[in-house]
Amino acid sequence: MDNGPITFQSQLQSLYLDHHGWLCGLLQRKLGNPNDATDLAHDIYLHLIQKGRIPPADESRCHLAQIAKGKVIDLLRRRRLEASYLESQAQQPEPRAQSEEARALVKEEIKGVDLALMGKSFKVRQALLLSRLNGMSYGDIAAELQVSVSSVEKYVALGLQACRRSVEAGMGPGACKQQPLIRVVEELS
């Protein structure tokens, strides 16, 4: 008859009953917070369960203290990282919500760009959009489209010319708005 799981369970229970209060006190002194100390203490016992090995009784506190040291370092490192992330987010400008009118104007401008590029080849449209909307370099676009960089330069120039002609001819929604098509495309770059 296999008494392995029962032995492990009884060893874990004994370890918990004998050392949980001491471990929580140690962690509270290191962290200064009883809630964090309790959470980490339970994490330490979960760590032992996952390892499936309980230290010998005479080494229990030393073993628990060593695991606690690692868990405290991990917690403090994670908190520093979170604080750094939150600080960087706080320094970012607040995103401004666009009004419905502004969104409608942008949609019209995009439709105008689409109309201006409609007669152009796929590569001209794609090169212009990858360059201006996705911010890709000409080298990356060339690799994407499997063409030379000079071809990408030509495609982008042709796309911009088509947008400019559309604006100058009064075609497309950008011709009569405050923000012409060419400016929308250029702003997206």
C-alpha atoms as a PDB file:
ATOM      1  CA  MET A   1       0.000   0.000   0.000  1.00  0.00           C
ATOM      2  CA  ASP A   2       1.359   3.428  -1.056  1.00  0.00           C
ATOM      3  CA  ASN A   3       1.405   5.931   1.819  1.00  0.00           C
ATOM      4  CA  GLY A   4       3.406   8.522  -0.210  1.00  0.00           C
ATOM      5  CA  PRO A   5       0.641  11.105  -0.689  1.00  0.00           C
ATOM      6  CA  ILE A   6      -0.522  10.693   2.900  1.00  0.00           C
ATOM      7  CA  THR A   7       3.018  11.129   4.202  1.00  0.00           C
ATOM      8  CA  PHE A   8       3.591  14.203   2.041  1.00  0.00           C
ATOM      9  CA  GLN A   9       0.263  15.678   3.118  1.00  0.00           C
ATOM     10  CA  SER A  10       0.963  15.070   6.807  1.00  0.00           C
ATOM     11  CA  GLN A  11       4.487  16.510   6.465  1.00  0.00           C
ATOM     12  CA  LEU A  12       3.112  19.607   4.756  1.00  0.00           C
ATOM     13  CA  GLN A  13       0.426  19.998   7.394  1.00  0.00           C
ATOM     14  CA  SER A  14       2.996  19.671  10.169  1.00  0.00           C
ATOM     15  CA  LEU A  15       5.301  22.172   8.464  1.00  0.00           C
ATOM     16  CA  TYR A  16       2.423  24.618   8.042  1.00  0.00           C
ATOM     17  CA  LEU A  17       1.219  24.322  11.630  1.00  0.00           C
ATOM     18  CA  ASP A  18       4.731  24.552  13.083  1.00  0.00           C
ATOM     19  CA  HIS A  19       6.086  27.421  10.987  1.00  0.00           C
ATOM     20  CA  HIS A  20       3.267  29.434   9.405  1.00  0.00           C
ATOM     21  CA  GLY A  21       3.138  32.053  12.173  1.00  0.00           C
ATOM     22  CA  TRP A  22       6.918  32.420  12.180  1.00  0.00           C
ATOM     23  CA  LEU A  23       7.014  32.688   8.364  1.00  0.00           C
ATOM     24  CA  CYS A  24       4.278  35.348   8.298  1.00  0.00           C
ATOM     25  CA  GLY A  25       6.150  37.336  10.957  1.00  0.00           C
ATOM     26  CA  LEU A  26       9.396  37.128   8.981  1.00  0.00           C
ATOM     27  CA  LEU A  27       7.675  38.263   5.798  1.00  0.00           C
ATOM     28  CA  GLN A  28       5.808  41.058   7.588  1.00  0.00           C
ATOM     29  CA  ARG A  29       9.094  42.414   8.946  1.00  0.00           C
ATOM     30  CA  LYS A  30      10.593  42.380   5.441  1.00  0.00           C
ATOM     31  CA  LEU A  31       7.539  43.809   3.672  1.00  0.00           C
ATOM     32  CA  GLY A  32       5.902  45.913   6.360  1.00  0.00           C
ATOM     33  CA  ASN A  33       2.459  44.711   5.349  1.00  0.00           C
ATOM     34  CA  PRO A  34       0.560  41.774   6.918  1.00  0.00           C
ATOM     35  CA  ASN A  35      -1.578  41.207   3.801  1.00  0.00           C
ATOM     36  CA  ASP A  36       1.426  40.852   1.504  1.00  0.00           C
ATOM     37  CA  ALA A  37       3.123  38.673   4.105  1.00  0.00           C
ATOM     38  CA  THR A  38       0.164  36.287   4.255  1.00  0.00           C
ATOM     39  CA  ASP A  39      -0.077  36.134   0.465  1.00  0.00           C
ATOM     40  CA  LEU A  40       3.611  35.352   0.093  1.00  0.00           C
ATOM     41  CA  ALA A  41       3.483  32.752   2.854  1.00  0.00           C
ATOM     42  CA  HIS A  42       0.770  30.908   0.980  1.00  0.00           C
ATOM     43  CA  ASP A  43       2.789  31.236  -2.230  1.00  0.00           C
ATOM     44  CA  ILE A  44       5.702  29.594  -0.444  1.00  0.00           C
ATOM     45  CA  TYR A  45       3.561  26.642   0.620  1.00  0.00           C
ATOM     46  CA  LEU A  46       2.204  26.355  -2.917  1.00  0.00           C
ATOM     47  CA  HIS A  47       5.802  26.329  -4.136  1.00  0.00           C
ATOM     48  CA  LEU A  48       6.538  23.417  -1.815  1.00  0.00           C
ATOM     49  CA  ILE A  49       3.448  21.556  -3.016  1.00  0.00           C
ATOM     50  CA  GLN A  50       4.482  22.063  -6.641  1.00  0.00           C
ATOM     51  CA  LYS A  51       7.996  20.825  -5.906  1.00  0.00           C
ATOM     52  CA  GLY A  52       6.535  17.827  -4.095  1.00  0.00           C
ATOM     53  CA  ARG A  53       9.283  17.846  -1.490  1.00  0.00           C
ATOM     54  CA  ILE A  54       9.160  18.921   2.136  1.00  0.00           C
ATOM     55  CA  PRO A  55      12.465  19.854   3.802  1.00  0.00           C
ATOM     56  CA  PRO A  56      13.620  17.821   6.806  1.00  0.00           C
ATOM     57  CA  ALA A  57      12.317  19.131  10.142  1.00  0.00           C
ATOM     58  CA  ASP A  58      15.720  20.419  11.289  1.00  0.00           C
ATOM     59  CA  GLU A  59      16.138  22.446   8.045  1.00  0.00           C
ATOM     60  CA  SER A  60      12.559  23.716   7.725  1.00  0.00           C
ATOM     61  CA  ARG A  61      13.043  27.310   8.852  1.00  0.00           C
ATOM     62  CA  CYS A  62      16.246  27.734   6.867  1.00  0.00           C
ATOM     63  CA  HIS A  63      14.535  26.326   3.777  1.00  0.00           C
ATOM     64  CA  LEU A  64      11.409  28.467   4.242  1.00  0.00           C
ATOM     65  CA  ALA A  65      13.555  31.574   4.829  1.00  0.00           C
ATOM     66  CA  GLN A  66      15.494  30.926   1.620  1.00  0.00           C
ATOM     67  CA  ILE A  67      12.299  30.547  -0.431  1.00  0.00           C
ATOM     68  CA  ALA A  68      10.860  33.635   1.307  1.00  0.00           C
ATOM     69  CA  LYS A  69      13.933  35.665   0.355  1.00  0.00           C
ATOM     70  CA  GLY A  70      13.458  34.766  -3.311  1.00  0.00           C
ATOM     71  CA  LYS A  71       9.718  35.482  -3.211  1.00  0.00           C
ATOM     72  CA  VAL A  72      10.287  38.893  -1.557  1.00  0.00           C
ATOM     73  CA  ILE A  73      12.853  39.806  -4.214  1.00  0.00           C
ATOM     74  CA  ASP A  74      10.422  38.731  -6.951  1.00  0.00           C
ATOM     75  CA  LEU A  75       7.587  40.754  -5.405  1.00  0.00           C
ATOM     76  CA  LEU A  76       9.692  43.903  -5.012  1.00  0.00           C
ATOM     77  CA  ARG A  77      11.076  43.559  -8.538  1.00  0.00           C
ATOM     78  CA  ARG A  78       7.556  43.148  -9.921  1.00  0.00           C
ATOM     79  CA  ARG A  79       6.353  46.194  -7.978  1.00  0.00           C
ATOM     80  CA  ARG A  80       9.254  48.281  -9.265  1.00  0.00           C
ATOM     81  CA  LEU A  81       8.429  47.223 -12.801  1.00  0.00           C
ATOM     82  CA  GLU A  82       4.736  48.029 -12.292  1.00  0.00           C
ATOM     83  CA  ALA A  83       5.607  51.430 -10.805  1.00  0.00           C
ATOM     84  CA  SER A  84       7.927  52.174 -13.705  1.00  0.00           C
ATOM     85  CA  TYR A  85       5.225  51.207 -16.186  1.00  0.00           C
ATOM     86  CA  LEU A  86       2.602  53.323 -14.418  1.00  0.00           C
ATOM     87  CA  GLU A  87       5.003  56.258 -14.293  1.00  0.00           C
ATOM     88  CA  SER A  88       5.681  55.988 -18.018  1.00  0.00           C
ATOM     89  CA  GLN A  89       1.940  55.775 -18.677  1.00  0.00           C
ATOM     90  CA  ALA A  90       1.331  58.860 -16.530  1.00  0.00           C
ATOM     91  CA  GLN A  91       3.833  60.803 -18.625  1.00  0.00           C
ATOM     92  CA  GLN A  92       2.002  59.916 -21.838  1.00  0.00           C
ATOM     93  CA  PRO A  93      -0.387  62.580 -23.077  1.00  0.00           C
ATOM     94  CA  GLU A  94      -4.016  61.838 -22.446  1.00  0.00           C
ATOM     95  CA  PRO A  95      -5.665  60.420 -25.533  1.00  0.00           C
ATOM     96  CA  ARG A  96      -8.135  62.911 -26.872  1.00  0.00           C
ATOM     97  CA  ALA A  97     -11.483  61.560 -27.873  1.00  0.00           C
ATOM     98  CA  GLN A  98     -12.473  62.702 -31.305  1.00  0.00           C
ATOM     99  CA  SER A  99     -15.846  64.251 -31.807  1.00  0.00           C
ATOM    100  CA  GLU A 100     -18.306  62.556 -34.116  1.00  0.00           C
ATOM    101  CA  GLU A 101     -17.805  65.362 -36.606  1.00  0.00           C
ATOM    102  CA  ALA A 102     -14.034  64.904 -36.594  1.00  0.00           C
ATOM    103  CA  ARG A 103     -14.408  61.151 -37.080  1.00  0.00           C
ATOM    104  CA  ALA A 104     -16.808  61.718 -39.971  1.00  0.00           C
ATOM    105  CA  LEU A 105     -14.350  64.127 -41.592  1.00  0.00           C
ATOM    106  CA  VAL A 106     -11.515  61.629 -41.262  1.00  0.00           C
ATOM    107  CA  LYS A 107     -13.707  58.925 -42.795  1.00  0.00           C
ATOM    108  CA  GLU A 108     -14.485  61.213 -45.710  1.00  0.00           C
ATOM    109  CA  GLU A 109     -10.811  62.008 -46.161  1.00  0.00           C
ATOM    110  CA  ILE A 110      -9.920  58.319 -46.151  1.00  0.00           C
ATOM    111  CA  LYS A 111     -12.606  57.671 -48.755  1.00  0.00           C
ATOM    112  CA  GLY A 112     -11.109  60.506 -50.797  1.00  0.00           C
ATOM    113  CA  VAL A 113      -7.654  58.950 -50.578  1.00  0.00           C
ATOM    114  CA  ASP A 114      -9.167  55.629 -51.611  1.00  0.00           C
ATOM    115  CA  LEU A 115     -10.866  57.271 -54.606  1.00  0.00           C
ATOM    116  CA  ALA A 116      -7.683  59.095 -55.600  1.00  0.00           C
ATOM    117  CA  LEU A 117      -5.717  55.837 -55.528  1.00  0.00           C
ATOM    118  CA  MET A 118      -8.431  53.707 -57.113  1.00  0.00           C
ATOM    119  CA  GLY A 119      -6.944  53.851 -60.612  1.00  0.00           C
ATOM    120  CA  LYS A 120      -3.448  53.077 -59.375  1.00  0.00           C
ATOM    121  CA  SER A 121      -1.838  49.652 -59.210  1.00  0.00           C
ATOM    122  CA  PHE A 122      -1.946  47.557 -56.073  1.00  0.00           C
ATOM    123  CA  LYS A 123       1.739  48.225 -55.402  1.00  0.00           C
ATOM    124  CA  VAL A 124       1.284  52.007 -55.623  1.00  0.00           C
ATOM    125  CA  ARG A 125      -1.641  51.927 -53.171  1.00  0.00           C
ATOM    126  CA  GLN A 126       0.085  49.482 -50.866  1.00  0.00           C
ATOM    127  CA  ALA A 127       3.415  51.358 -50.852  1.00  0.00           C
ATOM    128  CA  LEU A 128       1.729  54.669 -50.033  1.00  0.00           C
ATOM    129  CA  LEU A 129      -0.435  53.216 -47.290  1.00  0.00           C
ATOM    130  CA  LEU A 130       2.375  51.173 -45.722  1.00  0.00           C
ATOM    131  CA  SER A 131       4.582  54.246 -45.744  1.00  0.00           C
ATOM    132  CA  ARG A 132       2.096  56.806 -44.479  1.00  0.00           C
ATOM    133  CA  LEU A 133      -0.294  54.791 -42.325  1.00  0.00           C
ATOM    134  CA  ASN A 134       2.002  52.097 -40.944  1.00  0.00           C
ATOM    135  CA  GLY A 135       5.138  54.227 -40.842  1.00  0.00           C
ATOM    136  CA  MET A 136       7.205  51.539 -42.522  1.00  0.00           C
ATOM    137  CA  SER A 137      10.559  52.411 -44.047  1.00  0.00           C
ATOM    138  CA  TYR A 138      11.031  52.146 -47.780  1.00  0.00           C
ATOM    139  CA  GLY A 139      13.382  49.206 -47.223  1.00  0.00           C
ATOM    140  CA  ASP A 140      10.741  47.312 -45.237  1.00  0.00           C
ATOM    141  CA  ILE A 141       8.097  48.110 -47.851  1.00  0.00           C
ATOM    142  CA  ALA A 142      10.426  46.908 -50.604  1.00  0.00           C
ATOM    143  CA  ALA A 143      10.871  43.597 -48.775  1.00  0.00           C
ATOM    144  CA  GLU A 144       7.117  43.322 -48.207  1.00  0.00           C
ATOM    145  CA  LEU A 145       6.240  44.016 -51.837  1.00  0.00           C
ATOM    146  CA  GLN A 146       9.296  42.152 -53.171  1.00  0.00           C
ATOM    147  CA  VAL A 147      10.501  45.122 -55.205  1.00  0.00           C
ATOM    148  CA  SER A 148      13.501  47.466 -55.066  1.00  0.00           C
ATOM    149  CA  VAL A 149      13.676  50.506 -52.805  1.00  0.00           C
ATOM    150  CA  SER A 150      13.726  52.761 -55.865  1.00  0.00           C
ATOM    151  CA  SER A 151      10.455  51.170 -56.999  1.00  0.00           C
ATOM    152  CA  VAL A 152       8.939  51.918 -53.605  1.00  0.00           C
ATOM    153  CA  GLU A 153      10.054  55.541 -53.900  1.00  0.00           C
ATOM    154  CA  LYS A 154       8.418  55.726 -57.325  1.00  0.00           C
ATOM    155  CA  TYR A 155       5.200  54.079 -56.061  1.00  0.00           C
ATOM    156  CA  VAL A 156       4.901  56.456 -53.096  1.00  0.00           C
ATOM    157  CA  ALA A 157       5.536  59.461 -55.350  1.00  0.00           C
ATOM    158  CA  LEU A 158       2.866  58.270 -57.799  1.00  0.00           C
ATOM    159  CA  GLY A 159       0.402  57.785 -54.934  1.00  0.00           C
ATOM    160  CA  LEU A 160       1.064  61.254 -53.534  1.00  0.00           C
ATOM    161  CA  GLN A 161       0.745  62.773 -57.010  1.00  0.00           C
ATOM    162  CA  ALA A 162      -2.634  61.068 -57.446  1.00  0.00           C
ATOM    163  CA  CYS A 163      -3.826  62.486 -54.111  1.00  0.00           C
ATOM    164  CA  ARG A 164      -2.562  65.964 -55.008  1.00  0.00           C
ATOM    165  CA  ARG A 165      -4.269  65.859 -58.441  1.00  0.00           C
ATOM    166  CA  SER A 166      -7.499  64.772 -56.781  1.00  0.00           C
ATOM    167  CA  VAL A 167      -7.364  67.737 -54.415  1.00  0.00           C
ATOM    168  CA  GLU A 168      -6.401  70.202 -57.142  1.00  0.00           C
ATOM    169  CA  ALA A 169      -9.176  68.954 -59.428  1.00  0.00           C
ATOM    170  CA  GLY A 170     -11.733  69.408 -56.677  1.00  0.00           C
ATOM    171  CA  MET A 171     -12.521  65.701 -56.684  1.00  0.00           C
ATOM    172  CA  GLY A 172     -13.036  63.789 -53.500  1.00  0.00           C
ATOM    173  CA  PRO A 173     -14.243  65.066 -50.176  1.00  0.00           C
ATOM    174  CA  GLY A 174     -10.948  66.681 -49.258  1.00  0.00           C
ATOM    175  CA  ALA A 175     -11.290  69.328 -51.918  1.00  0.00           C
ATOM    176  CA  CYS A 176     -13.998  71.264 -50.101  1.00  0.00           C
ATOM    177  CA  LYS A 177     -12.973  70.563 -46.487  1.00  0.00           C
ATOM    178  CA  GLN A 178     -10.562  72.372 -44.226  1.00  0.00           C
ATOM    179  CA  GLN A 179      -8.155  69.442 -44.346  1.00  0.00           C
ATOM    180  CA  PRO A 180      -7.360  68.370 -47.909  1.00  0.00           C
ATOM    181  CA  LEU A 181      -6.569  64.779 -48.819  1.00  0.00           C
ATOM    182  CA  ILE A 182      -2.908  65.379 -49.352  1.00  0.00           C
ATOM    183  CA  ARG A 183      -2.627  66.823 -45.852  1.00  0.00           C
ATOM    184  CA  VAL A 184      -4.359  63.775 -44.358  1.00  0.00           C
ATOM    185  CA  VAL A 185      -1.922  61.479 -46.099  1.00  0.00           C
ATOM    186  CA  GLU A 186       1.049  63.642 -45.168  1.00  0.00           C
ATOM    187  CA  GLU A 187      -0.096  63.899 -41.541  1.00  0.00           C
ATOM    188  CA  LEU A 188      -0.300  60.153 -41.324  1.00  0.00           C
ATOM    189  CA  SER A 189       3.386  59.929 -42.220  1.00  0.00           C
END
